[in-house]
């Protein structure tokens, strides 16, 4: 069983692993025995990367589960109050009738209806808002005529309100917050 072996290789035997490549802890002339103890602890680079991938996947699952549990952001249909941080759409002008509130952007008002127990109850928010308040602390809100922020728009500065949406009265379809 003679022959040449690669550097660091051993002859195979009944209780021996064949190991080809570099000497344990040495990469060329550089001693790696002090780098994180991989070789000393018997952890190969392949094992190390598998552990990193497993850990990363586990963290991703935990974060993903938290996001899924939070659920989608939506309007608080029928909420009679207009809280700090929200844009509030009112069914009637001068802030009368039902109100729908949002705390983030919305590309399509067609999925939301005004709440119950007030004038405008059950009607779609899209193309039915006559007035609005922007209670956002730092953001302006842009209200758009069409879905996906298209068509004509008006801007309501943070902390301001419009008792009559003018050209967009009963022509609202989307909105977004912006600091500009």
C-alpha atoms as a PDB file:
ATOM      1  CA  UNK A   1       0.000   0.000   0.000  1.00  0.00           C
ATOM      2  CA  UNK A   2       2.690   2.434  -0.887  1.00  0.00           C
ATOM      3  CA  UNK A   3       2.315   5.598  -2.833  1.00  0.00           C
ATOM      4  CA  UNK A   4       2.265   9.308  -2.383  1.00  0.00           C
ATOM      5  CA  UNK A   5      -0.179  10.976  -0.049  1.00  0.00           C
ATOM      6  CA  UNK A   6      -1.240  14.590  -0.228  1.00  0.00           C
ATOM      7  CA  UNK A   7      -0.030  16.841   2.549  1.00  0.00           C
ATOM      8  CA  UNK A   8      -1.897  15.991   5.738  1.00  0.00           C
ATOM      9  CA  UNK A   9      -3.444  12.789   4.336  1.00  0.00           C
ATOM     10  CA  UNK A  10      -3.452   9.563   6.273  1.00  0.00           C
ATOM     11  CA  UNK A  11      -3.682   6.007   5.116  1.00  0.00           C
ATOM     12  CA  UNK A  12      -7.124   4.517   5.446  1.00  0.00           C
ATOM     13  CA  UNK A  13      -7.574   1.846   8.048  1.00  0.00           C
ATOM     14  CA  UNK A  14     -10.436   0.193   9.879  1.00  0.00           C
ATOM     15  CA  UNK A  15     -10.679   2.939  12.525  1.00  0.00           C
ATOM     16  CA  UNK A  16      -9.169   5.878  10.668  1.00  0.00           C
ATOM     17  CA  UNK A  17     -10.731   8.642   8.597  1.00  0.00           C
ATOM     18  CA  UNK A  18      -8.995   9.621   5.414  1.00  0.00           C
ATOM     19  CA  UNK A  19      -8.141  13.288   5.612  1.00  0.00           C
ATOM     20  CA  UNK A  20      -6.805  15.130   2.595  1.00  0.00           C
ATOM     21  CA  UNK A  21      -5.659  18.687   2.481  1.00  0.00           C
ATOM     22  CA  UNK A  22      -3.770  20.874   4.911  1.00  0.00           C
ATOM     23  CA  UNK A  23      -2.509  20.005   8.335  1.00  0.00           C
ATOM     24  CA  UNK A  24      -5.031  20.779  11.083  1.00  0.00           C
ATOM     25  CA  UNK A  25      -4.723  24.384  12.152  1.00  0.00           C
ATOM     26  CA  UNK A  26      -2.361  25.393   9.371  1.00  0.00           C
ATOM     27  CA  UNK A  27      -3.123  27.192   6.116  1.00  0.00           C
ATOM     28  CA  UNK A  28       0.054  27.323   4.147  1.00  0.00           C
ATOM     29  CA  UNK A  29       2.611  28.899   6.456  1.00  0.00           C
ATOM     30  CA  UNK A  30      -0.084  30.586   8.546  1.00  0.00           C
ATOM     31  CA  UNK A  31      -1.142  29.021  11.830  1.00  0.00           C
ATOM     32  CA  UNK A  32      -4.922  29.088  12.222  1.00  0.00           C
ATOM     33  CA  UNK A  33      -5.066  27.314  15.553  1.00  0.00           C
ATOM     34  CA  UNK A  34      -6.019  30.566  17.296  1.00  0.00           C
ATOM     35  CA  UNK A  35      -8.841  31.609  14.913  1.00  0.00           C
ATOM     36  CA  UNK A  36     -12.084  30.986  16.779  1.00  0.00           C
ATOM     37  CA  UNK A  37     -10.955  27.486  17.704  1.00  0.00           C
ATOM     38  CA  UNK A  38     -12.620  25.876  14.678  1.00  0.00           C
ATOM     39  CA  UNK A  39      -9.954  23.250  14.180  1.00  0.00           C
ATOM     40  CA  UNK A  40      -9.303  22.698  17.880  1.00  0.00           C
ATOM     41  CA  UNK A  41     -12.997  22.002  18.490  1.00  0.00           C
ATOM     42  CA  UNK A  42     -13.343  19.820  15.406  1.00  0.00           C
ATOM     43  CA  UNK A  43     -15.669  22.268  13.631  1.00  0.00           C
ATOM     44  CA  UNK A  44     -15.081  22.375   9.903  1.00  0.00           C
ATOM     45  CA  UNK A  45     -15.882  25.453   7.851  1.00  0.00           C
ATOM     46  CA  UNK A  46     -18.759  23.527   6.254  1.00  0.00           C
ATOM     47  CA  UNK A  47     -20.238  22.838   9.689  1.00  0.00           C
ATOM     48  CA  UNK A  48     -19.723  26.480  10.649  1.00  0.00           C
ATOM     49  CA  UNK A  49     -21.588  27.762   7.582  1.00  0.00           C
ATOM     50  CA  UNK A  50     -24.421  25.237   8.074  1.00  0.00           C
ATOM     51  CA  UNK A  51     -24.824  26.515  11.632  1.00  0.00           C
ATOM     52  CA  UNK A  52     -24.872  30.130  10.429  1.00  0.00           C
ATOM     53  CA  UNK A  53     -27.496  29.308   7.772  1.00  0.00           C
ATOM     54  CA  UNK A  54     -29.604  27.424  10.336  1.00  0.00           C
ATOM     55  CA  UNK A  55     -29.369  30.289  12.827  1.00  0.00           C
ATOM     56  CA  UNK A  56     -30.253  32.860  10.150  1.00  0.00           C
ATOM     57  CA  UNK A  57     -33.232  30.794   8.988  1.00  0.00           C
ATOM     58  CA  UNK A  58     -34.440  30.449  12.585  1.00  0.00           C
ATOM     59  CA  UNK A  59     -34.244  34.190  13.171  1.00  0.00           C
ATOM     60  CA  UNK A  60     -36.061  34.758   9.863  1.00  0.00           C
ATOM     61  CA  UNK A  61     -38.893  32.455  10.938  1.00  0.00           C
ATOM     62  CA  UNK A  62     -39.285  34.221  14.281  1.00  0.00           C
ATOM     63  CA  UNK A  63     -39.315  37.677  12.660  1.00  0.00           C
ATOM     64  CA  UNK A  64     -41.685  36.484   9.916  1.00  0.00           C
ATOM     65  CA  UNK A  65     -44.080  35.041  12.474  1.00  0.00           C
ATOM     66  CA  UNK A  66     -44.091  38.349  14.352  1.00  0.00           C
ATOM     67  CA  UNK A  67     -44.894  40.291  11.192  1.00  0.00           C
ATOM     68  CA  UNK A  68     -47.641  37.847  10.194  1.00  0.00           C
ATOM     69  CA  UNK A  69     -49.188  38.050  13.665  1.00  0.00           C
ATOM     70  CA  UNK A  70     -49.323  41.844  13.448  1.00  0.00           C
ATOM     71  CA  UNK A  71     -51.731  41.630  10.506  1.00  0.00           C
ATOM     72  CA  UNK A  72     -52.306  44.216   7.802  1.00  0.00           C
ATOM     73  CA  UNK A  73     -52.722  47.873   8.608  1.00  0.00           C
ATOM     74  CA  UNK A  74     -56.198  49.146   7.891  1.00  0.00           C
ATOM     75  CA  UNK A  75     -58.669  51.873   8.593  1.00  0.00           C
ATOM     76  CA  UNK A  76     -60.477  51.867  11.875  1.00  0.00           C
ATOM     77  CA  UNK A  77     -63.934  51.932  10.360  1.00  0.00           C
ATOM     78  CA  UNK A  78     -66.439  53.721  12.519  1.00  0.00           C
ATOM     79  CA  UNK A  79     -63.893  55.026  15.011  1.00  0.00           C
ATOM     80  CA  UNK A  80     -65.483  58.282  16.126  1.00  0.00           C
ATOM     81  CA  UNK A  81     -62.194  59.788  17.283  1.00  0.00           C
ATOM     82  CA  UNK A  82     -59.297  61.160  15.306  1.00  0.00           C
ATOM     83  CA  UNK A  83     -56.127  60.246  17.185  1.00  0.00           C
ATOM     84  CA  UNK A  84     -52.597  61.604  16.988  1.00  0.00           C
ATOM     85  CA  UNK A  85     -50.636  60.098  14.090  1.00  0.00           C
ATOM     86  CA  UNK A  86     -53.693  59.447  11.891  1.00  0.00           C
ATOM     87  CA  UNK A  87     -55.343  60.928   8.841  1.00  0.00           C
ATOM     88  CA  UNK A  88     -59.102  61.012   9.318  1.00  0.00           C
ATOM     89  CA  UNK A  89     -61.651  61.041   6.501  1.00  0.00           C
ATOM     90  CA  UNK A  90     -65.162  62.281   7.258  1.00  0.00           C
ATOM     91  CA  UNK A  91     -68.258  61.383   5.257  1.00  0.00           C
ATOM     92  CA  UNK A  92     -69.664  64.933   5.454  1.00  0.00           C
ATOM     93  CA  UNK A  93     -68.082  68.332   5.068  1.00  0.00           C
ATOM     94  CA  UNK A  94     -67.102  70.251   8.219  1.00  0.00           C
ATOM     95  CA  UNK A  95     -66.031  66.956   9.863  1.00  0.00           C
ATOM     96  CA  UNK A  96     -69.543  65.537  10.143  1.00  0.00           C
ATOM     97  CA  UNK A  97     -70.870  62.027   9.688  1.00  0.00           C
ATOM     98  CA  UNK A  98     -68.897  58.807   9.927  1.00  0.00           C
ATOM     99  CA  UNK A  99     -65.119  58.834  10.070  1.00  0.00           C
ATOM    100  CA  UNK A 100     -62.459  56.384   8.875  1.00  0.00           C
ATOM    101  CA  UNK A 101     -58.937  56.748  10.210  1.00  0.00           C
ATOM    102  CA  UNK A 102     -55.586  55.572   8.874  1.00  0.00           C
ATOM    103  CA  UNK A 103     -52.144  55.643  10.395  1.00  0.00           C
ATOM    104  CA  UNK A 104     -50.277  54.727   7.200  1.00  0.00           C
ATOM    105  CA  UNK A 105     -50.422  54.985   3.392  1.00  0.00           C
ATOM    106  CA  UNK A 106     -53.288  53.420   1.449  1.00  0.00           C
ATOM    107  CA  UNK A 107     -53.318  52.837  -2.320  1.00  0.00           C
ATOM    108  CA  UNK A 108     -57.002  51.951  -2.630  1.00  0.00           C
ATOM    109  CA  UNK A 109     -59.819  53.365  -0.504  1.00  0.00           C
ATOM    110  CA  UNK A 110     -62.247  51.000  -2.258  1.00  0.00           C
ATOM    111  CA  UNK A 111     -61.652  48.273   0.340  1.00  0.00           C
ATOM    112  CA  UNK A 112     -62.941  50.377   3.249  1.00  0.00           C
ATOM    113  CA  UNK A 113     -66.394  51.440   4.407  1.00  0.00           C
ATOM    114  CA  UNK A 114     -67.533  54.072   6.839  1.00  0.00           C
ATOM    115  CA  UNK A 115     -68.584  52.639  10.210  1.00  0.00           C
ATOM    116  CA  UNK A 116     -71.949  52.258  11.834  1.00  0.00           C
ATOM    117  CA  UNK A 117     -74.078  54.527  13.987  1.00  0.00           C
ATOM    118  CA  UNK A 118     -73.526  57.733  12.006  1.00  0.00           C
ATOM    119  CA  UNK A 119     -74.459  59.476   8.772  1.00  0.00           C
ATOM    120  CA  UNK A 120     -72.804  57.687   5.849  1.00  0.00           C
ATOM    121  CA  UNK A 121     -72.664  54.338   7.643  1.00  0.00           C
ATOM    122  CA  UNK A 122     -71.780  51.389   5.444  1.00  0.00           C
ATOM    123  CA  UNK A 123     -70.856  53.516   2.430  1.00  0.00           C
ATOM    124  CA  UNK A 124     -67.514  52.991   0.731  1.00  0.00           C
ATOM    125  CA  UNK A 125     -64.773  55.395   1.748  1.00  0.00           C
ATOM    126  CA  UNK A 126     -63.661  55.700  -1.880  1.00  0.00           C
ATOM    127  CA  UNK A 127     -65.318  58.697  -3.558  1.00  0.00           C
ATOM    128  CA  UNK A 128     -67.324  59.536  -0.417  1.00  0.00           C
ATOM    129  CA  UNK A 129     -65.059  61.628   1.843  1.00  0.00           C
ATOM    130  CA  UNK A 130     -65.948  65.318   2.058  1.00  0.00           C
ATOM    131  CA  UNK A 131     -63.518  66.548   4.746  1.00  0.00           C
ATOM    132  CA  UNK A 132     -60.301  65.364   6.374  1.00  0.00           C
ATOM    133  CA  UNK A 133     -57.926  66.013   9.276  1.00  0.00           C
ATOM    134  CA  UNK A 134     -54.204  65.275   9.333  1.00  0.00           C
ATOM    135  CA  UNK A 135     -53.153  64.488  12.899  1.00  0.00           C
ATOM    136  CA  UNK A 136     -49.712  63.195  11.877  1.00  0.00           C
ATOM    137  CA  UNK A 137     -46.966  64.709  13.993  1.00  0.00           C
ATOM    138  CA  UNK A 138     -44.431  65.387  11.226  1.00  0.00           C
ATOM    139  CA  UNK A 139     -45.898  64.193   7.915  1.00  0.00           C
ATOM    140  CA  UNK A 140     -48.046  65.930   5.353  1.00  0.00           C
ATOM    141  CA  UNK A 141     -50.757  63.775   3.778  1.00  0.00           C
ATOM    142  CA  UNK A 142     -51.480  63.739   0.057  1.00  0.00           C
ATOM    143  CA  UNK A 143     -54.987  62.672  -0.963  1.00  0.00           C
ATOM    144  CA  UNK A 144     -55.307  61.400  -4.535  1.00  0.00           C
ATOM    145  CA  UNK A 145     -58.227  61.217  -6.931  1.00  0.00           C
ATOM    146  CA  UNK A 146     -57.269  57.792  -8.321  1.00  0.00           C
ATOM    147  CA  UNK A 147     -56.024  54.497  -6.913  1.00  0.00           C
ATOM    148  CA  UNK A 148     -52.255  54.029  -6.572  1.00  0.00           C
ATOM    149  CA  UNK A 149     -51.673  57.766  -6.004  1.00  0.00           C
ATOM    150  CA  UNK A 150     -52.792  58.840  -9.462  1.00  0.00           C
ATOM    151  CA  UNK A 151     -54.671  61.813 -10.881  1.00  0.00           C
ATOM    152  CA  UNK A 152     -55.217  65.100  -9.077  1.00  0.00           C
ATOM    153  CA  UNK A 153     -54.055  65.452  -5.480  1.00  0.00           C
ATOM    154  CA  UNK A 154     -54.307  67.843  -2.569  1.00  0.00           C
ATOM    155  CA  UNK A 155     -51.928  68.146   0.368  1.00  0.00           C
ATOM    156  CA  UNK A 156     -52.929  68.677   3.993  1.00  0.00           C
ATOM    157  CA  UNK A 157     -50.034  69.749   6.195  1.00  0.00           C
ATOM    158  CA  UNK A 158     -49.347  67.933   9.433  1.00  0.00           C
ATOM    159  CA  UNK A 159     -51.669  69.154  12.152  1.00  0.00           C
ATOM    160  CA  UNK A 160     -53.997  70.840   9.628  1.00  0.00           C
ATOM    161  CA  UNK A 161     -57.498  70.006   8.436  1.00  0.00           C
ATOM    162  CA  UNK A 162     -59.762  70.700   5.469  1.00  0.00           C
ATOM    163  CA  UNK A 163     -63.459  71.167   6.222  1.00  0.00           C
ATOM    164  CA  UNK A 164     -64.151  70.747   2.494  1.00  0.00           C
ATOM    165  CA  UNK A 165     -61.883  68.725   0.192  1.00  0.00           C
ATOM    166  CA  UNK A 166     -62.825  70.996  -2.716  1.00  0.00           C
ATOM    167  CA  UNK A 167     -62.140  69.354  -6.094  1.00  0.00           C
ATOM    168  CA  UNK A 168     -61.525  66.026  -4.352  1.00  0.00           C
ATOM    169  CA  UNK A 169     -64.722  66.122  -2.314  1.00  0.00           C
ATOM    170  CA  UNK A 170     -66.290  62.714  -2.951  1.00  0.00           C
ATOM    171  CA  UNK A 171     -63.430  61.930  -5.375  1.00  0.00           C
ATOM    172  CA  UNK A 172     -60.846  60.368  -3.043  1.00  0.00           C
ATOM    173  CA  UNK A 173     -59.229  57.025  -3.897  1.00  0.00           C
ATOM    174  CA  UNK A 174     -55.826  56.851  -2.172  1.00  0.00           C
ATOM    175  CA  UNK A 175     -53.500  58.741   0.156  1.00  0.00           C
ATOM    176  CA  UNK A 176     -49.935  58.721   1.456  1.00  0.00           C
ATOM    177  CA  UNK A 177     -47.879  60.458   4.108  1.00  0.00           C
ATOM    178  CA  UNK A 178     -44.777  62.442   3.168  1.00  0.00           C
ATOM    179  CA  UNK A 179     -42.385  64.786   4.948  1.00  0.00           C
ATOM    180  CA  UNK A 180     -42.053  66.885   1.768  1.00  0.00           C
END
